[in-house]
């Protein structure tokens, strides 16, 4: 509300095309992070 509406320029971000390769242990840790478990 304090700025003019056209003062913000939107840019499109490129999509991530390649998934990073995670080891089975890293994938396991990532799933525990998703569950919200602590260290």
ModelCIF file with pLDDT and N, C-alpha, C, O atoms, coordinates in Angstrom:
data_MODEL
#
_entry.id   MODEL 
#
_entity.id                         1 
_entity.type                       polymer 
_entity.pdbx_number_of_molecules   1 
#
_entity_poly.entity_id                      1 
_entity_poly.type                           'polypeptide(L)' 
_entity_poly.nstd_linkage                   no 
_entity_poly.nstd_monomer                   no 
_entity_poly.pdbx_seq_one_letter_code       
;(UNK)(UNK)(UNK)(UNK)(UNK)(UNK)(UNK)(UNK)(UNK)(UNK)(UNK)(UNK)(UNK)(UNK)(UNK)(UNK)
(UNK)(UNK)(UNK)(UNK)(UNK)(UNK)(UNK)(UNK)(UNK)(UNK)(UNK)(UNK)(UNK)(UNK)(UNK)(UNK)
(UNK)(UNK)(UNK)(UNK)(UNK)(UNK)(UNK)
;
_entity_poly.pdbx_seq_one_letter_code_can   XXXXXXXXXXXXXXXXXXXXXXXXXXXXXXXXXXXXXXX 
_entity_poly.pdbx_strand_id                 A 
#
loop_
_entity_poly_seq.entity_id 
_entity_poly_seq.num 
_entity_poly_seq.mon_id 
_entity_poly_seq.hetero 
1 1  UNK n 
1 2  UNK n 
1 3  UNK n 
1 4  UNK n 
1 5  UNK n 
1 6  UNK n 
1 7  UNK n 
1 8  UNK n 
1 9  UNK n 
1 10 UNK n 
1 11 UNK n 
1 12 UNK n 
1 13 UNK n 
1 14 UNK n 
1 15 UNK n 
1 16 UNK n 
1 17 UNK n 
1 18 UNK n 
1 19 UNK n 
1 20 UNK n 
1 21 UNK n 
1 22 UNK n 
1 23 UNK n 
1 24 UNK n 
1 25 UNK n 
1 26 UNK n 
1 27 UNK n 
1 28 UNK n 
1 29 UNK n 
1 30 UNK n 
1 31 UNK n 
1 32 UNK n 
1 33 UNK n 
1 34 UNK n 
1 35 UNK n 
1 36 UNK n 
1 37 UNK n 
1 38 UNK n 
1 39 UNK n 
#
_struct_asym.id          A 
_struct_asym.entity_id   1 
#
loop_
_ma_qa_metric.id 
_ma_qa_metric.mode 
_ma_qa_metric.name 
_ma_qa_metric.software_group_id 
_ma_qa_metric.type 
1 global pLDDT . pLDDT 
2 local  pLDDT . pLDDT 
#
_ma_qa_metric_global.metric_id      1 
_ma_qa_metric_global.metric_value   72.67 
_ma_qa_metric_global.model_id       1 
_ma_qa_metric_global.ordinal_id     1 
#
loop_
_ma_qa_metric_local.label_asym_id 
_ma_qa_metric_local.label_comp_id 
_ma_qa_metric_local.label_seq_id 
_ma_qa_metric_local.metric_id 
_ma_qa_metric_local.metric_value 
_ma_qa_metric_local.model_id 
_ma_qa_metric_local.ordinal_id 
A UNK 1  2 55.00 1 1  
A UNK 2  2 53.00 1 2  
A UNK 3  2 51.00 1 3  
A UNK 4  2 47.00 1 4  
A UNK 5  2 47.00 1 5  
A UNK 6  2 48.00 1 6  
A UNK 7  2 50.00 1 7  
A UNK 8  2 50.00 1 8  
A UNK 9  2 55.00 1 9  
A UNK 10 2 56.00 1 10 
A UNK 11 2 57.00 1 11 
A UNK 12 2 58.00 1 12 
A UNK 13 2 56.00 1 13 
A UNK 14 2 58.00 1 14 
A UNK 15 2 57.00 1 15 
A UNK 16 2 50.00 1 16 
A UNK 17 2 53.00 1 17 
A UNK 18 2 66.00 1 18 
A UNK 19 2 74.00 1 19 
A UNK 20 2 78.00 1 20 
A UNK 21 2 83.00 1 21 
A UNK 22 2 85.00 1 22 
A UNK 23 2 87.00 1 23 
A UNK 24 2 89.00 1 24 
A UNK 25 2 91.00 1 25 
A UNK 26 2 90.00 1 26 
A UNK 27 2 91.00 1 27 
A UNK 28 2 92.00 1 28 
A UNK 29 2 93.00 1 29 
A UNK 30 2 91.00 1 30 
A UNK 31 2 92.00 1 31 
A UNK 32 2 93.00 1 32 
A UNK 33 2 91.00 1 33 
A UNK 34 2 91.00 1 34 
A UNK 35 2 90.00 1 35 
A UNK 36 2 90.00 1 36 
A UNK 37 2 92.00 1 37 
A UNK 38 2 92.00 1 38 
A UNK 39 2 92.00 1 39 
#
loop_
_atom_site.group_PDB 
_atom_site.id 
_atom_site.type_symbol 
_atom_site.label_atom_id 
_atom_site.label_alt_id 
_atom_site.label_comp_id 
_atom_site.label_asym_id 
_atom_site.label_entity_id 
_atom_site.label_seq_id 
_atom_site.pdbx_PDB_ins_code 
_atom_site.Cartn_x 
_atom_site.Cartn_y 
_atom_site.Cartn_z 
_atom_site.occupancy 
_atom_site.B_iso_or_equiv 
_atom_site.pdbx_formal_charge 
_atom_site.auth_seq_id 
_atom_site.auth_comp_id 
_atom_site.auth_asym_id 
_atom_site.auth_atom_id 
_atom_site.pdbx_PDB_model_num 
ATOM 1   N N  . UNK A 1 1  ? 0.820  -1.207  0.000   1.00 55.00 ? 1  UNK A N  1 
ATOM 2   C CA . UNK A 1 1  ? 0.000  0.000   0.000   1.00 55.00 ? 1  UNK A CA 1 
ATOM 3   C C  . UNK A 1 1  ? 0.855  1.258   0.000   1.00 55.00 ? 1  UNK A C  1 
ATOM 4   O O  . UNK A 1 1  ? 0.394  2.330   -0.391  1.00 55.00 ? 1  UNK A O  1 
ATOM 5   N N  . UNK A 1 2  ? 2.110  1.122   0.443   1.00 53.00 ? 2  UNK A N  1 
ATOM 6   C CA . UNK A 1 2  ? 2.984  2.290   0.511   1.00 53.00 ? 2  UNK A CA 1 
ATOM 7   C C  . UNK A 1 2  ? 3.722  2.535   -0.801  1.00 53.00 ? 2  UNK A C  1 
ATOM 8   O O  . UNK A 1 2  ? 4.287  3.609   -1.010  1.00 53.00 ? 2  UNK A O  1 
ATOM 9   N N  . UNK A 1 3  ? 3.717  1.535   -1.687  1.00 51.00 ? 3  UNK A N  1 
ATOM 10  C CA . UNK A 1 3  ? 4.448  1.652   -2.943  1.00 51.00 ? 3  UNK A CA 1 
ATOM 11  C C  . UNK A 1 3  ? 3.480  1.602   -4.105  1.00 51.00 ? 3  UNK A C  1 
ATOM 12  O O  . UNK A 1 3  ? 2.332  1.182   -3.959  1.00 51.00 ? 3  UNK A O  1 
ATOM 13  N N  . UNK A 1 4  ? 3.953  2.033   -5.254  1.00 47.00 ? 4  UNK A N  1 
ATOM 14  C CA . UNK A 1 4  ? 3.145  1.914   -6.461  1.00 47.00 ? 4  UNK A CA 1 
ATOM 15  C C  . UNK A 1 4  ? 3.063  0.446   -6.850  1.00 47.00 ? 4  UNK A C  1 
ATOM 16  O O  . UNK A 1 4  ? 4.023  -0.301  -6.660  1.00 47.00 ? 4  UNK A O  1 
ATOM 17  N N  . UNK A 1 5  ? 1.939  0.032   -7.385  1.00 47.00 ? 5  UNK A N  1 
ATOM 18  C CA . UNK A 1 5  ? 1.704  -1.375  -7.728  1.00 47.00 ? 5  UNK A CA 1 
ATOM 19  C C  . UNK A 1 5  ? 2.694  -1.884  -8.771  1.00 47.00 ? 5  UNK A C  1 
ATOM 20  O O  . UNK A 1 5  ? 3.101  -3.044  -8.722  1.00 47.00 ? 5  UNK A O  1 
ATOM 21  N N  . UNK A 1 6  ? 3.088  -1.017  -9.722  1.00 48.00 ? 6  UNK A N  1 
ATOM 22  C CA . UNK A 1 6  ? 3.978  -1.495  -10.787 1.00 48.00 ? 6  UNK A CA 1 
ATOM 23  C C  . UNK A 1 6  ? 5.457  -1.426  -10.406 1.00 48.00 ? 6  UNK A C  1 
ATOM 24  O O  . UNK A 1 6  ? 6.323  -1.630  -11.257 1.00 48.00 ? 6  UNK A O  1 
ATOM 25  N N  . UNK A 1 7  ? 5.752  -1.141  -9.143  1.00 50.00 ? 7  UNK A N  1 
ATOM 26  C CA . UNK A 1 7  ? 7.145  -1.055  -8.719  1.00 50.00 ? 7  UNK A CA 1 
ATOM 27  C C  . UNK A 1 7  ? 7.780  -2.434  -8.561  1.00 50.00 ? 7  UNK A C  1 
ATOM 28  O O  . UNK A 1 7  ? 9.005  -2.555  -8.555  1.00 50.00 ? 7  UNK A O  1 
ATOM 29  N N  . UNK A 1 8  ? 6.956  -3.476  -8.434  1.00 50.00 ? 8  UNK A N  1 
ATOM 30  C CA . UNK A 1 8  ? 7.474  -4.830  -8.263  1.00 50.00 ? 8  UNK A CA 1 
ATOM 31  C C  . UNK A 1 8  ? 7.472  -5.545  -9.599  1.00 50.00 ? 8  UNK A C  1 
ATOM 32  O O  . UNK A 1 8  ? 6.450  -5.617  -10.281 1.00 50.00 ? 8  UNK A O  1 
ATOM 33  N N  . UNK A 1 9  ? 8.623  -6.068  -9.960  1.00 55.00 ? 9  UNK A N  1 
ATOM 34  C CA . UNK A 1 9  ? 8.723  -6.808  -11.209 1.00 55.00 ? 9  UNK A CA 1 
ATOM 35  C C  . UNK A 1 9  ? 8.801  -8.298  -10.897 1.00 55.00 ? 9  UNK A C  1 
ATOM 36  O O  . UNK A 1 9  ? 9.642  -8.735  -10.111 1.00 55.00 ? 9  UNK A O  1 
ATOM 37  N N  . UNK A 1 10 ? 7.921  -9.069  -11.517 1.00 56.00 ? 10 UNK A N  1 
ATOM 38  C CA . UNK A 1 10 ? 7.901  -10.514 -11.300 1.00 56.00 ? 10 UNK A CA 1 
ATOM 39  C C  . UNK A 1 10 ? 8.835  -11.189 -12.303 1.00 56.00 ? 10 UNK A C  1 
ATOM 40  O O  . UNK A 1 10 ? 8.879  -10.822 -13.477 1.00 56.00 ? 10 UNK A O  1 
ATOM 41  N N  . UNK A 1 11 ? 9.571  -12.169 -11.822 1.00 57.00 ? 11 UNK A N  1 
ATOM 42  C CA . UNK A 1 11 ? 10.423 -12.940 -12.719 1.00 57.00 ? 11 UNK A CA 1 
ATOM 43  C C  . UNK A 1 11 ? 10.088 -14.412 -12.567 1.00 57.00 ? 11 UNK A C  1 
ATOM 44  O O  . UNK A 1 11 ? 9.717  -14.867 -11.485 1.00 57.00 ? 11 UNK A O  1 
ATOM 45  N N  . UNK A 1 12 ? 10.219 -15.144 -13.645 1.00 58.00 ? 12 UNK A N  1 
ATOM 46  C CA . UNK A 1 12 ? 9.969  -16.584 -13.610 1.00 58.00 ? 12 UNK A CA 1 
ATOM 47  C C  . UNK A 1 12 ? 11.282 -17.285 -13.292 1.00 58.00 ? 12 UNK A C  1 
ATOM 48  O O  . UNK A 1 12 ? 12.313 -17.008 -13.906 1.00 58.00 ? 12 UNK A O  1 
ATOM 49  N N  . UNK A 1 13 ? 11.231 -18.194 -12.330 1.00 56.00 ? 13 UNK A N  1 
ATOM 50  C CA . UNK A 1 13 ? 12.419 -18.943 -11.958 1.00 56.00 ? 13 UNK A CA 1 
ATOM 51  C C  . UNK A 1 13 ? 12.468 -20.230 -12.770 1.00 56.00 ? 13 UNK A C  1 
ATOM 52  O O  . UNK A 1 13 ? 11.434 -20.868 -12.969 1.00 56.00 ? 13 UNK A O  1 
ATOM 53  N N  . UNK A 1 14 ? 13.641 -20.624 -13.240 1.00 58.00 ? 14 UNK A N  1 
ATOM 54  C CA . UNK A 1 14 ? 13.723 -21.865 -14.006 1.00 58.00 ? 14 UNK A CA 1 
ATOM 55  C C  . UNK A 1 14 ? 13.427 -23.064 -13.108 1.00 58.00 ? 14 UNK A C  1 
ATOM 56  O O  . UNK A 1 14 ? 13.805 -23.092 -11.937 1.00 58.00 ? 14 UNK A O  1 
ATOM 57  N N  . UNK A 1 15 ? 12.745 -24.046 -13.680 1.00 57.00 ? 15 UNK A N  1 
ATOM 58  C CA . UNK A 1 15 ? 12.418 -25.254 -12.922 1.00 57.00 ? 15 UNK A CA 1 
ATOM 59  C C  . UNK A 1 15 ? 13.673 -26.102 -12.739 1.00 57.00 ? 15 UNK A C  1 
ATOM 60  O O  . UNK A 1 15 ? 14.550 -26.139 -13.603 1.00 57.00 ? 15 UNK A O  1 
ATOM 61  N N  . UNK A 1 16 ? 13.737 -26.773 -11.609 1.00 50.00 ? 16 UNK A N  1 
ATOM 62  C CA . UNK A 1 16 ? 14.845 -27.685 -11.361 1.00 50.00 ? 16 UNK A CA 1 
ATOM 63  C C  . UNK A 1 16 ? 14.591 -28.937 -12.189 1.00 50.00 ? 16 UNK A C  1 
ATOM 64  O O  . UNK A 1 16 ? 13.583 -29.615 -11.994 1.00 50.00 ? 16 UNK A O  1 
ATOM 65  N N  . UNK A 1 17 ? 15.490 -29.244 -13.101 1.00 53.00 ? 17 UNK A N  1 
ATOM 66  C CA . UNK A 1 17 ? 15.256 -30.355 -14.011 1.00 53.00 ? 17 UNK A CA 1 
ATOM 67  C C  . UNK A 1 17 ? 15.842 -31.661 -13.511 1.00 53.00 ? 17 UNK A C  1 
ATOM 68  O O  . UNK A 1 17 ? 15.302 -32.727 -13.806 1.00 53.00 ? 17 UNK A O  1 
ATOM 69  N N  . UNK A 1 18 ? 16.925 -31.606 -12.767 1.00 66.00 ? 18 UNK A N  1 
ATOM 70  C CA . UNK A 1 18 ? 17.584 -32.830 -12.356 1.00 66.00 ? 18 UNK A CA 1 
ATOM 71  C C  . UNK A 1 18 ? 17.515 -32.982 -10.847 1.00 66.00 ? 18 UNK A C  1 
ATOM 72  O O  . UNK A 1 18 ? 17.835 -32.060 -10.096 1.00 66.00 ? 18 UNK A O  1 
ATOM 73  N N  . UNK A 1 19 ? 17.086 -34.176 -10.413 1.00 74.00 ? 19 UNK A N  1 
ATOM 74  C CA . UNK A 1 19 ? 17.008 -34.447 -8.982  1.00 74.00 ? 19 UNK A CA 1 
ATOM 75  C C  . UNK A 1 19 ? 18.399 -34.775 -8.472  1.00 74.00 ? 19 UNK A C  1 
ATOM 76  O O  . UNK A 1 19 ? 19.163 -35.454 -9.158  1.00 74.00 ? 19 UNK A O  1 
ATOM 77  N N  . UNK A 1 20 ? 18.743 -34.302 -7.273  1.00 78.00 ? 20 UNK A N  1 
ATOM 78  C CA . UNK A 1 20 ? 20.043 -34.656 -6.702  1.00 78.00 ? 20 UNK A CA 1 
ATOM 79  C C  . UNK A 1 20 ? 20.060 -36.137 -6.324  1.00 78.00 ? 20 UNK A C  1 
ATOM 80  O O  . UNK A 1 20 ? 19.035 -36.707 -5.951  1.00 78.00 ? 20 UNK A O  1 
ATOM 81  N N  . UNK A 1 21 ? 21.216 -36.734 -6.424  1.00 83.00 ? 21 UNK A N  1 
ATOM 82  C CA . UNK A 1 21 ? 21.373 -38.139 -6.086  1.00 83.00 ? 21 UNK A CA 1 
ATOM 83  C C  . UNK A 1 21 ? 21.690 -38.258 -4.603  1.00 83.00 ? 21 UNK A C  1 
ATOM 84  O O  . UNK A 1 21 ? 22.711 -37.751 -4.137  1.00 83.00 ? 21 UNK A O  1 
ATOM 85  N N  . UNK A 1 22 ? 20.812 -38.932 -3.860  1.00 85.00 ? 22 UNK A N  1 
ATOM 86  C CA . UNK A 1 22 ? 21.009 -39.137 -2.430  1.00 85.00 ? 22 UNK A CA 1 
ATOM 87  C C  . UNK A 1 22 ? 21.318 -40.608 -2.177  1.00 85.00 ? 22 UNK A C  1 
ATOM 88  O O  . UNK A 1 22 ? 20.745 -41.492 -2.813  1.00 85.00 ? 22 UNK A O  1 
ATOM 89  N N  . UNK A 1 23 ? 22.226 -40.860 -1.244  1.00 87.00 ? 23 UNK A N  1 
ATOM 90  C CA . UNK A 1 23 ? 22.518 -42.241 -0.860  1.00 87.00 ? 23 UNK A CA 1 
ATOM 91  C C  . UNK A 1 23 ? 21.310 -42.795 -0.104  1.00 87.00 ? 23 UNK A C  1 
ATOM 92  O O  . UNK A 1 23 ? 20.465 -42.024 0.351   1.00 87.00 ? 23 UNK A O  1 
ATOM 93  N N  . UNK A 1 24 ? 21.215 -44.126 0.037   1.00 89.00 ? 24 UNK A N  1 
ATOM 94  C CA . UNK A 1 24 ? 20.098 -44.683 0.804   1.00 89.00 ? 24 UNK A CA 1 
ATOM 95  C C  . UNK A 1 24 ? 20.031 -44.115 2.235   1.00 89.00 ? 24 UNK A C  1 
ATOM 96  O O  . UNK A 1 24 ? 18.940 -43.866 2.748   1.00 89.00 ? 24 UNK A O  1 
ATOM 97  N N  . UNK A 1 25 ? 21.188 -43.911 2.877   1.00 91.00 ? 25 UNK A N  1 
ATOM 98  C CA . UNK A 1 25 ? 21.212 -43.371 4.238   1.00 91.00 ? 25 UNK A CA 1 
ATOM 99  C C  . UNK A 1 25 ? 20.722 -41.925 4.247   1.00 91.00 ? 25 UNK A C  1 
ATOM 100 O O  . UNK A 1 25 ? 19.974 -41.528 5.140   1.00 91.00 ? 25 UNK A O  1 
ATOM 101 N N  . UNK A 1 26 ? 21.146 -41.129 3.243   1.00 90.00 ? 26 UNK A N  1 
ATOM 102 C CA . UNK A 1 26 ? 20.698 -39.735 3.166   1.00 90.00 ? 26 UNK A CA 1 
ATOM 103 C C  . UNK A 1 26 ? 19.195 -39.677 2.918   1.00 90.00 ? 26 UNK A C  1 
ATOM 104 O O  . UNK A 1 26 ? 18.508 -38.818 3.472   1.00 90.00 ? 26 UNK A O  1 
ATOM 105 N N  . UNK A 1 27 ? 18.682 -40.579 2.093   1.00 91.00 ? 27 UNK A N  1 
ATOM 106 C CA . UNK A 1 27 ? 17.242 -40.632 1.823   1.00 91.00 ? 27 UNK A CA 1 
ATOM 107 C C  . UNK A 1 27 ? 16.487 -40.982 3.111   1.00 91.00 ? 27 UNK A C  1 
ATOM 108 O O  . UNK A 1 27 ? 15.413 -40.443 3.380   1.00 91.00 ? 27 UNK A O  1 
ATOM 109 N N  . UNK A 1 28 ? 17.068 -41.893 3.901   1.00 92.00 ? 28 UNK A N  1 
ATOM 110 C CA . UNK A 1 28 ? 16.465 -42.295 5.163   1.00 92.00 ? 28 UNK A CA 1 
ATOM 111 C C  . UNK A 1 28 ? 16.430 -41.115 6.138   1.00 92.00 ? 28 UNK A C  1 
ATOM 112 O O  . UNK A 1 28 ? 15.412 -40.868 6.784   1.00 92.00 ? 28 UNK A O  1 
ATOM 113 N N  . UNK A 1 29 ? 17.546 -40.391 6.240   1.00 93.00 ? 29 UNK A N  1 
ATOM 114 C CA . UNK A 1 29 ? 17.615 -39.220 7.121   1.00 93.00 ? 29 UNK A CA 1 
ATOM 115 C C  . UNK A 1 29 ? 16.610 -38.167 6.661   1.00 93.00 ? 29 UNK A C  1 
ATOM 116 O O  . UNK A 1 29 ? 15.937 -37.549 7.487   1.00 93.00 ? 29 UNK A O  1 
ATOM 117 N N  . UNK A 1 30 ? 16.506 -37.963 5.355   1.00 91.00 ? 30 UNK A N  1 
ATOM 118 C CA . UNK A 1 30 ? 15.568 -36.988 4.810   1.00 91.00 ? 30 UNK A CA 1 
ATOM 119 C C  . UNK A 1 30 ? 14.132 -37.352 5.182   1.00 91.00 ? 30 UNK A C  1 
ATOM 120 O O  . UNK A 1 30 ? 13.338 -36.471 5.511   1.00 91.00 ? 30 UNK A O  1 
ATOM 121 N N  . UNK A 1 31 ? 13.791 -38.640 5.133   1.00 92.00 ? 31 UNK A N  1 
ATOM 122 C CA . UNK A 1 31 ? 12.427 -39.052 5.498   1.00 92.00 ? 31 UNK A CA 1 
ATOM 123 C C  . UNK A 1 31 ? 12.164 -38.790 6.985   1.00 92.00 ? 31 UNK A C  1 
ATOM 124 O O  . UNK A 1 31 ? 11.050 -38.432 7.367   1.00 92.00 ? 31 UNK A O  1 
ATOM 125 N N  . UNK A 1 32 ? 13.207 -38.973 7.832   1.00 93.00 ? 32 UNK A N  1 
ATOM 126 C CA . UNK A 1 32 ? 13.038 -38.661 9.254   1.00 93.00 ? 32 UNK A CA 1 
ATOM 127 C C  . UNK A 1 32 ? 12.870 -37.152 9.463   1.00 93.00 ? 32 UNK A C  1 
ATOM 128 O O  . UNK A 1 32 ? 12.120 -36.731 10.344  1.00 93.00 ? 32 UNK A O  1 
ATOM 129 N N  . UNK A 1 33 ? 13.561 -36.337 8.661   1.00 91.00 ? 33 UNK A N  1 
ATOM 130 C CA . UNK A 1 33 ? 13.402 -34.888 8.744   1.00 91.00 ? 33 UNK A CA 1 
ATOM 131 C C  . UNK A 1 33 ? 11.975 -34.499 8.371   1.00 91.00 ? 33 UNK A C  1 
ATOM 132 O O  . UNK A 1 33 ? 11.380 -33.614 8.985   1.00 91.00 ? 33 UNK A O  1 
ATOM 133 N N  . UNK A 1 34 ? 11.431 -35.177 7.353   1.00 91.00 ? 34 UNK A N  1 
ATOM 134 C CA . UNK A 1 34 ? 10.062 -34.888 6.937   1.00 91.00 ? 34 UNK A CA 1 
ATOM 135 C C  . UNK A 1 34 ? 9.076  -35.207 8.058   1.00 91.00 ? 34 UNK A C  1 
ATOM 136 O O  . UNK A 1 34 ? 8.071  -34.515 8.221   1.00 91.00 ? 34 UNK A O  1 
ATOM 137 N N  . UNK A 1 35 ? 9.365  -36.255 8.832   1.00 90.00 ? 35 UNK A N  1 
ATOM 138 C CA . UNK A 1 35 ? 8.495  -36.625 9.945   1.00 90.00 ? 35 UNK A CA 1 
ATOM 139 C C  . UNK A 1 35 ? 8.640  -35.674 11.131  1.00 90.00 ? 35 UNK A C  1 
ATOM 140 O O  . UNK A 1 35 ? 7.844  -35.719 12.070  1.00 90.00 ? 35 UNK A O  1 
ATOM 141 N N  . UNK A 1 36 ? 9.666  -34.805 11.086  1.00 90.00 ? 36 UNK A N  1 
ATOM 142 C CA . UNK A 1 36 ? 9.862  -33.831 12.165  1.00 90.00 ? 36 UNK A CA 1 
ATOM 143 C C  . UNK A 1 36 ? 10.646 -34.375 13.346  1.00 90.00 ? 36 UNK A C  1 
ATOM 144 O O  . UNK A 1 36 ? 10.579 -33.817 14.442  1.00 90.00 ? 36 UNK A O  1 
ATOM 145 N N  . UNK A 1 37 ? 11.403 -35.476 13.137  1.00 92.00 ? 37 UNK A N  1 
ATOM 146 C CA . UNK A 1 37 ? 12.191 -36.039 14.229  1.00 92.00 ? 37 UNK A CA 1 
ATOM 147 C C  . UNK A 1 37 ? 13.407 -35.167 14.543  1.00 92.00 ? 37 UNK A C  1 
ATOM 148 O O  . UNK A 1 37 ? 13.954 -34.510 13.658  1.00 92.00 ? 37 UNK A O  1 
ATOM 149 N N  . UNK A 1 38 ? 13.820 -35.166 15.805  1.00 92.00 ? 38 UNK A N  1 
ATOM 150 C CA . UNK A 1 38 ? 15.007 -34.425 16.229  1.00 92.00 ? 38 UNK A CA 1 
ATOM 151 C C  . UNK A 1 38 ? 16.251 -35.267 15.978  1.00 92.00 ? 38 UNK A C  1 
ATOM 152 O O  . UNK A 1 38 ? 16.145 -36.466 15.717  1.00 92.00 ? 38 UNK A O  1 
ATOM 153 N N  . UNK A 1 39 ? 17.422 -34.655 16.054  1.00 92.00 ? 39 UNK A N  1 
ATOM 154 C CA . UNK A 1 39 ? 18.670 -35.408 15.868  1.00 92.00 ? 39 UNK A CA 1 
ATOM 155 C C  . UNK A 1 39 ? 18.800 -36.572 16.846  1.00 92.00 ? 39 UNK A C  1 
ATOM 156 O O  . UNK A 1 39 ? 19.794 -37.298 16.813  1.00 92.00 ? 39 UNK A O  1 
#
